[in-house]
Amino acid sequence: LLDSAGLNIPERMQQGRTELFETVFGNDPAFLKEASPYHRLTNIAMPMMIVCSSIRRTSCSQAHEFAKKASSVSGGQFPVWEEPLSHEKINV
């Protein structure tokens, strides 16, 4: 999973709305939770490595929260790798 600041969408919207997130998700709390990967985790979550940008405000905090919950729900491994790179450079 590469550098996502949208793993917990309701939390992300509380930290400061952005035009992108408002356009894509709107502001209905029930829909925000339904669209949020963090809130949709189940015990069948597949182990994955999560890469986040340590220079982006919400990327690594959401990555660590997601990894912690995914591990507790599924028992799998979800290591987080912090990189001091921009979102664009991580995705290249």
N, C-alpha and C. Protein backbone atom coordinates (compact mmCIF):
# COMPACT_ATOMS: atom_id res chain seq x y z
N LEU A 1 0.86 -1.17 0.00
CA LEU A 1 0.00 0.00 0.00
C LEU A 1 0.91 1.23 0.00
N LEU A 2 0.73 2.10 -0.99
CA LEU A 2 1.63 3.24 -1.14
C LEU A 2 0.99 4.56 -0.71
N ASP A 3 1.55 5.16 0.30
CA ASP A 3 1.31 6.53 0.75
C ASP A 3 -0.13 7.03 0.61
N SER A 4 -0.99 6.56 1.48
CA SER A 4 -2.37 7.01 1.47
C SER A 4 -2.69 7.79 2.74
N ALA A 5 -3.25 8.95 2.56
CA ALA A 5 -3.73 9.72 3.72
C ALA A 5 -5.24 9.56 3.84
N GLY A 6 -5.79 8.59 3.09
CA GLY A 6 -7.23 8.36 3.10
C GLY A 6 -7.60 7.00 3.64
N LEU A 7 -6.86 6.49 4.61
CA LEU A 7 -7.18 5.18 5.18
C LEU A 7 -8.31 5.29 6.20
N ASN A 8 -8.35 6.39 6.93
CA ASN A 8 -9.44 6.64 7.87
C ASN A 8 -10.09 7.95 7.43
N ILE A 9 -11.06 7.84 6.56
CA ILE A 9 -11.64 9.02 5.92
C ILE A 9 -12.36 9.94 6.91
N PRO A 10 -13.18 9.42 7.84
CA PRO A 10 -13.81 10.36 8.79
C PRO A 10 -12.78 11.16 9.59
N GLU A 11 -11.71 10.49 10.03
CA GLU A 11 -10.66 11.20 10.78
C GLU A 11 -9.98 12.23 9.90
N ARG A 12 -9.69 11.87 8.67
CA ARG A 12 -9.04 12.79 7.73
C ARG A 12 -9.90 14.03 7.50
N MET A 13 -11.20 13.85 7.38
CA MET A 13 -12.10 14.98 7.16
C MET A 13 -12.17 15.87 8.41
N GLN A 14 -12.04 15.31 9.60
CA GLN A 14 -12.04 16.10 10.82
C GLN A 14 -10.77 16.93 10.96
N GLN A 15 -9.66 16.43 10.39
CA GLN A 15 -8.38 17.13 10.50
C GLN A 15 -8.33 18.34 9.58
N GLY A 16 -9.21 18.43 8.65
CA GLY A 16 -9.24 19.55 7.72
C GLY A 16 -9.75 19.09 6.37
N ARG A 17 -10.86 19.61 6.01
CA ARG A 17 -11.47 19.20 4.74
C ARG A 17 -10.64 19.72 3.57
N THR A 18 -10.60 18.91 2.53
CA THR A 18 -9.94 19.34 1.30
C THR A 18 -10.96 19.25 0.17
N GLU A 19 -10.75 20.03 -0.85
CA GLU A 19 -11.67 20.02 -1.98
C GLU A 19 -11.74 18.62 -2.61
N LEU A 20 -10.59 17.96 -2.72
CA LEU A 20 -10.56 16.62 -3.29
C LEU A 20 -11.43 15.66 -2.49
N PHE A 21 -11.23 15.60 -1.18
CA PHE A 21 -12.00 14.67 -0.35
C PHE A 21 -13.48 15.03 -0.33
N GLU A 22 -13.80 16.31 -0.27
CA GLU A 22 -15.21 16.72 -0.28
C GLU A 22 -15.88 16.35 -1.59
N THR A 23 -15.19 16.55 -2.70
CA THR A 23 -15.75 16.21 -4.01
C THR A 23 -15.98 14.72 -4.14
N VAL A 24 -15.00 13.94 -3.72
CA VAL A 24 -15.07 12.49 -3.87
C VAL A 24 -16.03 11.85 -2.86
N PHE A 25 -15.96 12.26 -1.59
CA PHE A 25 -16.70 11.57 -0.54
C PHE A 25 -17.91 12.33 0.01
N GLY A 26 -18.02 13.62 -0.27
CA GLY A 26 -19.11 14.40 0.31
C GLY A 26 -18.87 14.61 1.79
N ASN A 27 -19.96 14.75 2.56
CA ASN A 27 -19.79 14.96 4.00
C ASN A 27 -20.81 14.22 4.84
N ASP A 28 -21.42 13.18 4.30
CA ASP A 28 -22.33 12.33 5.05
C ASP A 28 -21.51 11.39 5.94
N PRO A 29 -21.59 11.52 7.27
CA PRO A 29 -20.77 10.71 8.16
C PRO A 29 -20.91 9.19 7.93
N ALA A 30 -22.10 8.73 7.63
CA ALA A 30 -22.29 7.29 7.39
C ALA A 30 -21.55 6.85 6.14
N PHE A 31 -21.60 7.66 5.08
CA PHE A 31 -20.89 7.31 3.86
C PHE A 31 -19.38 7.38 4.05
N LEU A 32 -18.90 8.39 4.79
CA LEU A 32 -17.47 8.51 5.04
C LEU A 32 -16.93 7.26 5.74
N LYS A 33 -17.68 6.77 6.70
CA LYS A 33 -17.26 5.56 7.41
C LYS A 33 -17.32 4.34 6.49
N GLU A 34 -18.35 4.24 5.68
CA GLU A 34 -18.50 3.12 4.75
C GLU A 34 -17.38 3.10 3.70
N ALA A 35 -16.91 4.27 3.30
CA ALA A 35 -15.87 4.37 2.27
C ALA A 35 -14.46 4.24 2.84
N SER A 36 -14.35 4.19 4.15
CA SER A 36 -13.06 4.22 4.83
C SER A 36 -12.44 2.82 4.98
N PRO A 37 -11.27 2.58 4.38
CA PRO A 37 -10.62 1.27 4.55
C PRO A 37 -10.41 0.89 6.02
N TYR A 38 -10.10 1.84 6.85
CA TYR A 38 -9.89 1.58 8.27
C TYR A 38 -11.13 0.96 8.91
N HIS A 39 -12.29 1.48 8.55
CA HIS A 39 -13.55 1.01 9.14
C HIS A 39 -14.08 -0.25 8.46
N ARG A 40 -13.50 -0.64 7.37
CA ARG A 40 -13.97 -1.84 6.65
C ARG A 40 -13.07 -3.06 6.88
N LEU A 41 -12.04 -2.92 7.71
CA LEU A 41 -11.14 -4.04 7.97
C LEU A 41 -11.89 -5.22 8.58
N THR A 42 -11.54 -6.41 8.11
CA THR A 42 -12.13 -7.64 8.66
C THR A 42 -11.00 -8.61 8.96
N ASN A 43 -11.37 -9.74 9.51
CA ASN A 43 -10.37 -10.74 9.87
C ASN A 43 -9.74 -11.42 8.66
N ILE A 44 -10.18 -11.09 7.45
CA ILE A 44 -9.56 -11.67 6.26
C ILE A 44 -8.62 -10.69 5.56
N ALA A 45 -8.26 -9.62 6.26
CA ALA A 45 -7.31 -8.65 5.69
C ALA A 45 -6.00 -9.36 5.36
N MET A 46 -5.51 -9.14 4.16
CA MET A 46 -4.28 -9.76 3.70
C MET A 46 -3.07 -8.98 4.21
N PRO A 47 -2.04 -9.69 4.69
CA PRO A 47 -0.83 -8.99 5.12
C PRO A 47 -0.26 -8.13 3.99
N MET A 48 0.26 -6.98 4.33
CA MET A 48 0.82 -6.07 3.33
C MET A 48 1.83 -5.16 3.98
N MET A 49 2.74 -4.64 3.18
CA MET A 49 3.64 -3.59 3.63
C MET A 49 2.99 -2.25 3.29
N ILE A 50 3.06 -1.33 4.22
CA ILE A 50 2.47 -0.01 4.04
C ILE A 50 3.61 1.00 4.00
N VAL A 51 3.71 1.73 2.90
CA VAL A 51 4.74 2.76 2.74
C VAL A 51 4.07 4.12 2.90
N CYS A 52 4.68 4.98 3.72
CA CYS A 52 4.10 6.30 3.91
C CYS A 52 5.17 7.38 3.79
N SER A 53 4.73 8.59 3.51
CA SER A 53 5.62 9.73 3.39
C SER A 53 5.76 10.40 4.75
N SER A 54 6.96 10.40 5.28
CA SER A 54 7.18 11.04 6.58
C SER A 54 7.15 12.56 6.49
N ILE A 55 7.08 13.10 5.28
CA ILE A 55 7.02 14.56 5.14
C ILE A 55 5.59 15.05 4.91
N ARG A 56 4.63 14.13 4.83
CA ARG A 56 3.22 14.52 4.70
C ARG A 56 2.56 14.46 6.07
N ARG A 57 1.71 15.40 6.34
CA ARG A 57 1.12 15.57 7.67
C ARG A 57 0.35 14.36 8.18
N THR A 58 -0.44 13.70 7.36
CA THR A 58 -1.31 12.64 7.87
C THR A 58 -0.95 11.24 7.38
N SER A 59 -0.06 11.14 6.45
CA SER A 59 0.22 9.85 5.82
C SER A 59 0.69 8.78 6.81
N CYS A 60 1.73 9.04 7.57
CA CYS A 60 2.28 8.00 8.45
C CYS A 60 1.41 7.74 9.68
N SER A 61 0.77 8.77 10.20
CA SER A 61 -0.10 8.52 11.36
C SER A 61 -1.24 7.59 10.96
N GLN A 62 -1.84 7.83 9.79
CA GLN A 62 -2.91 6.94 9.34
C GLN A 62 -2.38 5.56 9.01
N ALA A 63 -1.18 5.48 8.44
CA ALA A 63 -0.59 4.18 8.12
C ALA A 63 -0.38 3.35 9.38
N HIS A 64 0.15 3.96 10.43
CA HIS A 64 0.39 3.24 11.68
C HIS A 64 -0.92 2.81 12.35
N GLU A 65 -1.91 3.68 12.34
CA GLU A 65 -3.22 3.34 12.92
C GLU A 65 -3.86 2.19 12.16
N PHE A 66 -3.80 2.25 10.83
CA PHE A 66 -4.36 1.19 9.99
C PHE A 66 -3.64 -0.13 10.25
N ALA A 67 -2.32 -0.10 10.29
CA ALA A 67 -1.52 -1.31 10.52
C ALA A 67 -1.85 -1.94 11.87
N LYS A 68 -1.98 -1.11 12.89
CA LYS A 68 -2.28 -1.61 14.23
C LYS A 68 -3.64 -2.29 14.26
N LYS A 69 -4.64 -1.66 13.68
CA LYS A 69 -5.98 -2.25 13.66
C LYS A 69 -6.01 -3.50 12.79
N ALA A 70 -5.39 -3.45 11.62
CA ALA A 70 -5.38 -4.61 10.71
C ALA A 70 -4.73 -5.81 11.38
N SER A 71 -3.65 -5.58 12.08
CA SER A 71 -2.95 -6.66 12.78
C SER A 71 -3.81 -7.25 13.89
N SER A 72 -4.48 -6.38 14.65
CA SER A 72 -5.31 -6.88 15.75
C SER A 72 -6.55 -7.61 15.24
N VAL A 73 -7.09 -7.19 14.12
CA VAL A 73 -8.29 -7.81 13.57
C VAL A 73 -7.97 -9.14 12.88
N SER A 74 -6.87 -9.18 12.14
CA SER A 74 -6.59 -10.36 11.31
C SER A 74 -5.46 -11.24 11.85
N GLY A 75 -4.63 -10.69 12.72
CA GLY A 75 -3.48 -11.44 13.21
C GLY A 75 -2.32 -11.44 12.24
N GLY A 76 -2.46 -10.75 11.10
CA GLY A 76 -1.41 -10.70 10.09
C GLY A 76 -0.36 -9.64 10.40
N GLN A 77 0.62 -9.57 9.53
CA GLN A 77 1.68 -8.57 9.68
C GLN A 77 1.45 -7.42 8.71
N PHE A 78 1.60 -6.21 9.21
CA PHE A 78 1.38 -5.00 8.43
C PHE A 78 2.49 -3.99 8.75
N PRO A 79 3.72 -4.28 8.34
CA PRO A 79 4.82 -3.35 8.64
C PRO A 79 4.63 -2.01 7.92
N VAL A 80 5.04 -0.95 8.58
CA VAL A 80 4.97 0.40 8.01
C VAL A 80 6.38 0.87 7.74
N TRP A 81 6.63 1.31 6.53
CA TRP A 81 7.94 1.79 6.10
C TRP A 81 7.81 3.28 5.83
N GLU A 82 8.43 4.11 6.66
CA GLU A 82 8.37 5.57 6.50
C GLU A 82 9.50 6.02 5.58
N GLU A 83 9.14 6.81 4.59
CA GLU A 83 10.11 7.34 3.62
C GLU A 83 10.03 8.87 3.61
N PRO A 84 11.18 9.56 3.63
CA PRO A 84 11.16 11.03 3.58
C PRO A 84 11.06 11.52 2.12
N LEU A 85 10.02 11.06 1.45
CA LEU A 85 9.79 11.40 0.05
C LEU A 85 8.39 11.97 -0.13
N SER A 86 8.19 12.70 -1.20
CA SER A 86 6.86 13.22 -1.52
C SER A 86 5.96 12.07 -1.96
N HIS A 87 4.66 12.34 -1.97
CA HIS A 87 3.68 11.36 -2.44
C HIS A 87 4.02 10.93 -3.88
N GLU A 88 4.34 11.89 -4.71
CA GLU A 88 4.67 11.61 -6.11
C GLU A 88 5.89 10.68 -6.21
N LYS A 89 6.94 10.95 -5.46
CA LYS A 89 8.17 10.14 -5.56
C LYS A 89 7.94 8.73 -5.03
N ILE A 90 7.12 8.57 -4.02
CA ILE A 90 6.82 7.23 -3.52
C ILE A 90 6.07 6.43 -4.58
N ASN A 91 5.21 7.08 -5.31
CA ASN A 91 4.38 6.39 -6.29
C ASN A 91 5.07 6.17 -7.63
N VAL A 92 6.27 6.68 -7.80
CA VAL A 92 6.97 6.50 -9.08
C VAL A 92 7.61 5.15 -9.16
